C-alpha atoms as a PDB file:
ATOM      1  CA  MET A   1       0.013  -0.010  -0.022  1.00  0.00           C
ATOM      2  CA  LYS A   2       1.358   3.436  -0.968  1.00  0.00           C
ATOM      3  CA  ALA A   3       2.332   5.744   1.911  1.00  0.00           C
ATOM      4  CA  ILE A   4       0.903   9.250   2.303  1.00  0.00           C
ATOM      5  CA  VAL A   5       3.844  11.649   2.055  1.00  0.00           C
ATOM      6  CA  LEU A   6       3.692  14.929   4.065  1.00  0.00           C
ATOM      7  CA  LYS A   7       5.930  17.888   4.655  1.00  0.00           C
ATOM      8  CA  PRO A   8       7.158  18.247   8.274  1.00  0.00           C
ATOM      9  CA  ILE A   9       4.891  21.327   8.865  1.00  0.00           C
ATOM     10  CA  GLN A  10       1.897  19.386   7.574  1.00  0.00           C
ATOM     11  CA  TRP A  11       2.710  16.537   9.895  1.00  0.00           C
ATOM     12  CA  GLU A  12       3.076  18.892  12.876  1.00  0.00           C
ATOM     13  CA  ASP A  13      -0.379  20.434  12.235  1.00  0.00           C
ATOM     14  CA  LEU A  14      -1.904  17.017  11.762  1.00  0.00           C
ATOM     15  CA  ARG A  15      -0.220  15.608  14.826  1.00  0.00           C
ATOM     16  CA  GLN A  16      -1.527  18.389  17.002  1.00  0.00           C
ATOM     17  CA  GLN A  17      -5.134  17.682  15.748  1.00  0.00           C
ATOM     18  CA  LEU A  18      -4.657  13.964  16.394  1.00  0.00           C
ATOM     19  CA  ALA A  19      -3.485  14.733  19.883  1.00  0.00           C
ATOM     20  CA  GLN A  20      -6.757  16.623  20.516  1.00  0.00           C
ATOM     21  CA  ASP A  21      -8.938  13.836  18.990  1.00  0.00           C
ATOM     22  CA  TYR A  22      -7.329  10.794  20.616  1.00  0.00           C
ATOM     23  CA  PRO A  23      -5.997   9.840  24.040  1.00  0.00           C
ATOM     24  CA  PRO A  24      -2.286  10.492  24.715  1.00  0.00           C
ATOM     25  CA  ALA A  25      -1.315   6.865  24.477  1.00  0.00           C
ATOM     26  CA  VAL A  26      -2.308   6.807  20.744  1.00  0.00           C
ATOM     27  CA  MET A  27       0.244   9.464  19.913  1.00  0.00           C
ATOM     28  CA  LEU A  28       2.960   8.313  22.293  1.00  0.00           C
ATOM     29  CA  LEU A  29       2.945   4.604  21.455  1.00  0.00           C
ATOM     30  CA  ARG A  30       3.693   3.384  17.902  1.00  0.00           C
ATOM     31  CA  TYR A  31       1.695   0.105  18.213  1.00  0.00           C
ATOM     32  CA  LYS A  32      -1.385   2.014  19.491  1.00  0.00           C
ATOM     33  CA  ARG A  33      -1.164   4.381  16.465  1.00  0.00           C
ATOM     34  CA  ARG A  34      -1.124   1.287  14.228  1.00  0.00           C
ATOM     35  CA  GLU A  35      -3.997  -0.307  16.095  1.00  0.00           C
ATOM     36  CA  VAL A  36      -6.246   2.710  16.453  1.00  0.00           C
ATOM     37  CA  LEU A  37      -5.388   4.910  13.431  1.00  0.00           C
ATOM     38  CA  GLY A  38      -3.990   2.203  11.073  1.00  0.00           C
ATOM     39  CA  PHE A  39      -0.630   3.798  10.386  1.00  0.00           C
ATOM     40  CA  THR A  40       2.874   4.392  11.668  1.00  0.00           C
ATOM     41  CA  GLU A  41       4.920   7.404  10.664  1.00  0.00           C
ATOM     42  CA  ARG A  42       8.388   7.250   9.151  1.00  0.00           C
ATOM     43  CA  TYR A  43      10.802  10.140   8.776  1.00  0.00           C
ATOM     44  CA  HIS A  44      12.599  10.192   5.369  1.00  0.00           C
ATOM     45  CA  ASP A  45      15.169  12.379   3.592  1.00  0.00           C
ATOM     46  CA  GLN A  46      14.381  12.449  -0.163  1.00  0.00           C
ATOM     47  CA  TRP A  47      17.204  13.307  -2.498  1.00  0.00           C
ATOM     48  CA  VAL A  48      16.242  15.992  -5.013  1.00  0.00           C
ATOM     49  CA  ALA A  49      18.663  16.378  -7.890  1.00  0.00           C
ATOM     50  CA  HIS A  50      18.932  19.404 -10.094  1.00  0.00           C
ATOM     51  CA  THR A  51      18.606  18.657 -13.789  1.00  0.00           C
ATOM     52  CA  LYS A  52      21.234  21.108 -15.040  1.00  0.00           C
ATOM     53  CA  ASN A  53      24.111  20.055 -12.740  1.00  0.00           C
ATOM     54  CA  GLU A  54      25.242  17.462 -10.316  1.00  0.00           C
ATOM     55  CA  PHE A  55      24.090  19.290  -7.209  1.00  0.00           C
ATOM     56  CA  GLY A  56      21.011  18.615  -5.239  1.00  0.00           C
ATOM     57  CA  TYR A  57      19.581  18.611  -1.771  1.00  0.00           C
ATOM     58  CA  TYR A  58      17.755  16.438   0.741  1.00  0.00           C
ATOM     59  CA  ARG A  59      14.109  17.271   1.403  1.00  0.00           C
ATOM     60  CA  LYS A  60      12.636  16.136   4.713  1.00  0.00           C
ATOM     61  CA  GLU A  61       9.408  14.176   4.467  1.00  0.00           C
ATOM     62  CA  VAL A  62       7.125  12.231   6.820  1.00  0.00           C
ATOM     63  CA  HIS A  63       5.608   9.091   5.369  1.00  0.00           C
ATOM     64  CA  LEU A  64       2.413   7.656   6.866  1.00  0.00           C
ATOM     65  CA  ASP A  65       2.488   3.872   6.220  1.00  0.00           C
ATOM     66  CA  PHE A  66      -0.989   2.409   6.372  1.00  0.00           C
ATOM     67  CA  PHE A  67      -1.677  -1.260   7.019  1.00  0.00           C
ATOM     68  CA  ASP A  68      -5.522  -1.328   6.459  1.00  0.00           C
ATOM     69  CA  ASP A  69      -7.381   0.101   3.457  1.00  0.00           C
ATOM     70  CA  ALA A  70     -10.512   0.839   5.459  1.00  0.00           C
ATOM     71  CA  LYS A  71      -8.544   2.820   8.069  1.00  0.00           C
ATOM     72  CA  ARG A  72      -6.647   4.700   5.341  1.00  0.00           C
ATOM     73  CA  THR A  73      -9.968   5.651   3.651  1.00  0.00           C
ATOM     74  CA  PHE A  74     -11.492   6.807   6.925  1.00  0.00           C
ATOM     75  CA  PHE A  75      -8.282   8.797   7.804  1.00  0.00           C
ATOM     76  CA  THR A  76      -8.207  10.445   4.369  1.00  0.00           C
ATOM     77  CA  LEU A  77     -11.846  11.498   4.686  1.00  0.00           C
ATOM     78  CA  LYS A  78     -11.539  12.779   8.187  1.00  0.00           C
ATOM     79  CA  TYR A  79      -8.162  14.580   7.905  1.00  0.00           C
ATOM     80  CA  GLY A  80      -8.094  15.390   4.197  1.00  0.00           C
ATOM     81  CA  ASP A  81      -7.799  19.105   4.832  1.00  0.00           C
ATOM     82  CA  TYR A  82      -4.467  18.573   6.602  1.00  0.00           C
ATOM     83  CA  LEU A  83      -3.164  16.394   3.787  1.00  0.00           C
ATOM     84  CA  GLU A  84      -3.929  19.031   1.139  1.00  0.00           C
ATOM     85  CA  LYS A  85      -2.200  21.929   2.880  1.00  0.00           C
ATOM     86  CA  GLY A  86       1.289  22.611   2.004  1.00  0.00           C
END
């Protein structure tokens, strides 16, 4: 299943909303996030190369790896506004 890719600022806004909507254990414990929300987050540095020369840079990203289609669909419907910002 394809991960949802967010910018760090998007993840921070979404994480604050999730902290308001769910008990603290869900945001503090990885296995609870997977159990309740259906995903775990993964921090990633994506290499972005320039086309004209050899130089590039690393772009920080947060990947939300979902394990259940139904939970991913529900999450996308409920928090779609946070996913579109950026």
